[in-house]
Amino acid sequence: MFDRLLLRRLARLALIAAVQGASGAAGGAVITLTVLWVGRHC
């Protein structure tokens, strides 16, 4: 019972970390593309 609860907690933390990592990477890509686009048009 304790192991199952621990596994669920670890799975939730892994899922949150994956989501935050994906959103962080997407944000970085958007910033990079924006900087490149502005640099090209200025």
PDB file of N, CA and C in Angstrom:
ATOM      1  N   MET A   1       0.842  -1.201   0.000  1.00  0.00           N
ATOM      2  CA  MET A   1       0.000   0.000   0.000  1.00  0.00           C
ATOM      3  C   MET A   1       0.877   1.252   0.000  1.00  0.00           C
ATOM      4  N   PHE A   2       1.895   1.238   0.859  1.00  0.00           N
ATOM      5  CA  PHE A   2       2.789   2.389   0.916  1.00  0.00           C
ATOM      6  C   PHE A   2       3.557   2.544  -0.395  1.00  0.00           C
ATOM      7  N   ASP A   3       4.008   1.405  -0.951  1.00  0.00           N
ATOM      8  CA  ASP A   3       4.766   1.468  -2.202  1.00  0.00           C
ATOM      9  C   ASP A   3       3.913   2.028  -3.338  1.00  0.00           C
ATOM     10  N   ARG A   4       2.656   1.627  -3.366  1.00  0.00           N
ATOM     11  CA  ARG A   4       1.776   2.121  -4.437  1.00  0.00           C
ATOM     12  C   ARG A   4       1.584   3.628  -4.316  1.00  0.00           C
ATOM     13  N   LEU A   5       1.408   4.107  -3.096  1.00  0.00           N
ATOM     14  CA  LEU A   5       1.246   5.545  -2.889  1.00  0.00           C
ATOM     15  C   LEU A   5       2.513   6.288  -3.294  1.00  0.00           C
ATOM     16  N   LEU A   6       3.647   5.714  -2.947  1.00  0.00           N
ATOM     17  CA  LEU A   6       4.921   6.340  -3.299  1.00  0.00           C
ATOM     18  C   LEU A   6       5.101   6.393  -4.813  1.00  0.00           C
ATOM     19  N   LEU A   7       4.732   5.304  -5.480  1.00  0.00           N
ATOM     20  CA  LEU A   7       4.856   5.276  -6.940  1.00  0.00           C
ATOM     21  C   LEU A   7       3.950   6.314  -7.588  1.00  0.00           C
ATOM     22  N   ARG A   8       2.742   6.456  -7.060  1.00  0.00           N
ATOM     23  CA  ARG A   8       1.823   7.454  -7.626  1.00  0.00           C
ATOM     24  C   ARG A   8       2.384   8.856  -7.438  1.00  0.00           C
ATOM     25  N   ARG A   9       2.991   9.102  -6.271  1.00  0.00           N
ATOM     26  CA  ARG A   9       3.567  10.428  -6.015  1.00  0.00           C
ATOM     27  C   ARG A   9       4.732  10.699  -6.954  1.00  0.00           C
ATOM     28  N   LEU A  10       5.579   9.687  -7.145  1.00  0.00           N
ATOM     29  CA  LEU A  10       6.723   9.858  -8.049  1.00  0.00           C
ATOM     30  C   LEU A  10       6.250  10.060  -9.491  1.00  0.00           C
ATOM     31  N   ALA A  11       5.204   9.325  -9.876  1.00  0.00           N
ATOM     32  CA  ALA A  11       4.682   9.473 -11.234  1.00  0.00           C
ATOM     33  C   ALA A  11       4.143  10.881 -11.450  1.00  0.00           C
ATOM     34  N   ARG A  12       3.463  11.405 -10.417  1.00  0.00           N
ATOM     35  CA  ARG A  12       2.919  12.765 -10.543  1.00  0.00           C
ATOM     36  C   ARG A  12       4.051  13.786 -10.663  1.00  0.00           C
ATOM     37  N   LEU A  13       5.094  13.612  -9.854  1.00  0.00           N
ATOM     38  CA  LEU A  13       6.220  14.545  -9.929  1.00  0.00           C
ATOM     39  C   LEU A  13       6.902  14.470 -11.287  1.00  0.00           C
ATOM     40  N   ALA A  14       7.033  13.258 -11.824  1.00  0.00           N
ATOM     41  CA  ALA A  14       7.666  13.095 -13.141  1.00  0.00           C
ATOM     42  C   ALA A  14       6.824  13.764 -14.222  1.00  0.00           C
ATOM     43  N   LEU A  15       5.501  13.608 -14.111  1.00  0.00           N
ATOM     44  CA  LEU A  15       4.612  14.212 -15.101  1.00  0.00           C
ATOM     45  C   LEU A  15       4.704  15.739 -15.046  1.00  0.00           C
ATOM     46  N   ILE A  16       4.706  16.294 -13.829  1.00  0.00           N
ATOM     47  CA  ILE A  16       4.809  17.748 -13.682  1.00  0.00           C
ATOM     48  C   ILE A  16       6.143  18.245 -14.245  1.00  0.00           C
ATOM     49  N   ALA A  17       7.213  17.508 -13.953  1.00  0.00           N
ATOM     50  CA  ALA A  17       8.536  17.904 -14.453  1.00  0.00           C
ATOM     51  C   ALA A  17       8.566  17.865 -15.984  1.00  0.00           C
ATOM     52  N   ALA A  18       7.936  16.849 -16.565  1.00  0.00           N
ATOM     53  CA  ALA A  18       7.913  16.730 -18.029  1.00  0.00           C
ATOM     54  C   ALA A  18       7.133  17.883 -18.654  1.00  0.00           C
ATOM     55  N   VAL A  19       5.988  18.218 -18.040  1.00  0.00           N
ATOM     56  CA  VAL A  19       5.168  19.314 -18.565  1.00  0.00           C
ATOM     57  C   VAL A  19       5.918  20.631 -18.464  1.00  0.00           C
ATOM     58  N   GLN A  20       6.562  20.866 -17.309  1.00  0.00           N
ATOM     59  CA  GLN A  20       7.301  22.117 -17.134  1.00  0.00           C
ATOM     60  C   GLN A  20       8.474  22.186 -18.106  1.00  0.00           C
ATOM     61  N   GLY A  21       9.147  21.058 -18.327  1.00  0.00           N
ATOM     62  CA  GLY A  21      10.267  21.037 -19.261  1.00  0.00           C
ATOM     63  C   GLY A  21       9.808  21.323 -20.687  1.00  0.00           C
ATOM     64  N   ALA A  22       8.661  20.741 -21.070  1.00  0.00           N
ATOM     65  CA  ALA A  22       8.138  20.953 -22.419  1.00  0.00           C
ATOM     66  C   ALA A  22       7.722  22.407 -22.614  1.00  0.00           C
ATOM     67  N   SER A  23       7.038  22.967 -21.611  1.00  0.00           N
ATOM     68  CA  SER A  23       6.591  24.353 -21.738  1.00  0.00           C
ATOM     69  C   SER A  23       7.795  25.295 -21.734  1.00  0.00           C
ATOM     70  N   GLY A  24       8.819  24.962 -20.962  1.00  0.00           N
ATOM     71  CA  GLY A  24      10.024  25.782 -20.939  1.00  0.00           C
ATOM     72  C   GLY A  24      10.731  25.751 -22.290  1.00  0.00           C
ATOM     73  N   ALA A  25      10.810  24.560 -22.892  1.00  0.00           N
ATOM     74  CA  ALA A  25      11.455  24.438 -24.201  1.00  0.00           C
ATOM     75  C   ALA A  25      10.657  25.191 -25.253  1.00  0.00           C
ATOM     76  N   ALA A  26       9.318  25.095 -25.190  1.00  0.00           N
ATOM     77  CA  ALA A  26       8.476  25.800 -26.153  1.00  0.00           C
ATOM     78  C   ALA A  26       8.652  27.307 -25.996  1.00  0.00           C
ATOM     79  N   GLY A  27       8.694  27.771 -24.758  1.00  0.00           N
ATOM     80  CA  GLY A  27       8.893  29.201 -24.514  1.00  0.00           C
ATOM     81  C   GLY A  27      10.240  29.673 -25.048  1.00  0.00           C
ATOM     82  N   GLY A  28      11.273  28.868 -24.838  1.00  0.00           N
ATOM     83  CA  GLY A  28      12.593  29.229 -25.347  1.00  0.00           C
ATOM     84  C   GLY A  28      12.601  29.291 -26.867  1.00  0.00           C
ATOM     85  N   ALA A  29      11.893  28.350 -27.508  1.00  0.00           N
ATOM     86  CA  ALA A  29      11.839  28.340 -28.968  1.00  0.00           C
ATOM     87  C   ALA A  29      11.101  29.580 -29.483  1.00  0.00           C
ATOM     88  N   VAL A  30      10.016  29.947 -28.822  1.00  0.00           N
ATOM     89  CA  VAL A  30       9.258  31.131 -29.231  1.00  0.00           C
ATOM     90  C   VAL A  30      10.118  32.379 -29.090  1.00  0.00           C
ATOM     91  N   ILE A  31      10.845  32.495 -27.984  1.00  0.00           N
ATOM     92  CA  ILE A  31      11.708  33.666 -27.773  1.00  0.00           C
ATOM     93  C   ILE A  31      12.792  33.700 -28.838  1.00  0.00           C
ATOM     94  N   THR A  32      13.392  32.535 -29.116  1.00  0.00           N
ATOM     95  CA  THR A  32      14.457  32.485 -30.122  1.00  0.00           C
ATOM     96  C   THR A  32      13.933  32.883 -31.495  1.00  0.00           C
ATOM     97  N   LEU A  33      12.775  32.340 -31.881  1.00  0.00           N
ATOM     98  CA  LEU A  33      12.203  32.682 -33.191  1.00  0.00           C
ATOM     99  C   LEU A  33      11.844  34.163 -33.253  1.00  0.00           C
ATOM    100  N   THR A  34      11.323  34.697 -32.160  1.00  0.00           N
ATOM    101  CA  THR A  34      10.961  36.120 -32.139  1.00  0.00           C
ATOM    102  C   THR A  34      12.203  36.992 -32.311  1.00  0.00           C
ATOM    103  N   VAL A  35      13.268  36.643 -31.601  1.00  0.00           N
ATOM    104  CA  VAL A  35      14.510  37.422 -31.712  1.00  0.00           C
ATOM    105  C   VAL A  35      15.058  37.352 -33.132  1.00  0.00           C
ATOM    106  N   LEU A  36      15.040  36.153 -33.729  1.00  0.00           N
ATOM    107  CA  LEU A  36      15.539  36.013 -35.099  1.00  0.00           C
ATOM    108  C   LEU A  36      14.684  36.808 -36.078  1.00  0.00           C
ATOM    109  N   TRP A  37      13.353  36.764 -35.905  1.00  0.00           N
ATOM    110  CA  TRP A  37      12.446  37.467 -36.811  1.00  0.00           C
ATOM    111  C   TRP A  37      12.657  38.972 -36.711  1.00  0.00           C
ATOM    112  N   VAL A  38      12.749  39.491 -35.472  1.00  0.00           N
ATOM    113  CA  VAL A  38      12.964  40.931 -35.278  1.00  0.00           C
ATOM    114  C   VAL A  38      14.323  41.330 -35.846  1.00  0.00           C
ATOM    115  N   GLY A  39      15.339  40.507 -35.591  1.00  0.00           N
ATOM    116  CA  GLY A  39      16.679  40.824 -36.096  1.00  0.00           C
ATOM    117  C   GLY A  39      16.713  40.855 -37.611  1.00  0.00           C
ATOM    118  N   ARG A  40      15.925  40.007 -38.250  1.00  0.00           N
ATOM    119  CA  ARG A  40      15.926  39.961 -39.713  1.00  0.00           C
ATOM    120  C   ARG A  40      15.201  41.160 -40.297  1.00  0.00           C
ATOM    121  N   HIS A  41      14.176  41.669 -39.614  1.00  0.00           N
ATOM    122  CA  HIS A  41      13.350  42.735 -40.177  1.00  0.00           C
ATOM    123  C   HIS A  41      13.791  44.128 -39.757  1.00  0.00           C
ATOM    124  N   CYS A  42      14.792  44.211 -38.878  1.00  0.00           N
ATOM    125  CA  CYS A  42      15.225  45.538 -38.451  1.00  0.00           C
ATOM    126  C   CYS A  42      16.493  45.956 -39.179  1.00  0.00           C
TER     127      CYS A  42
END
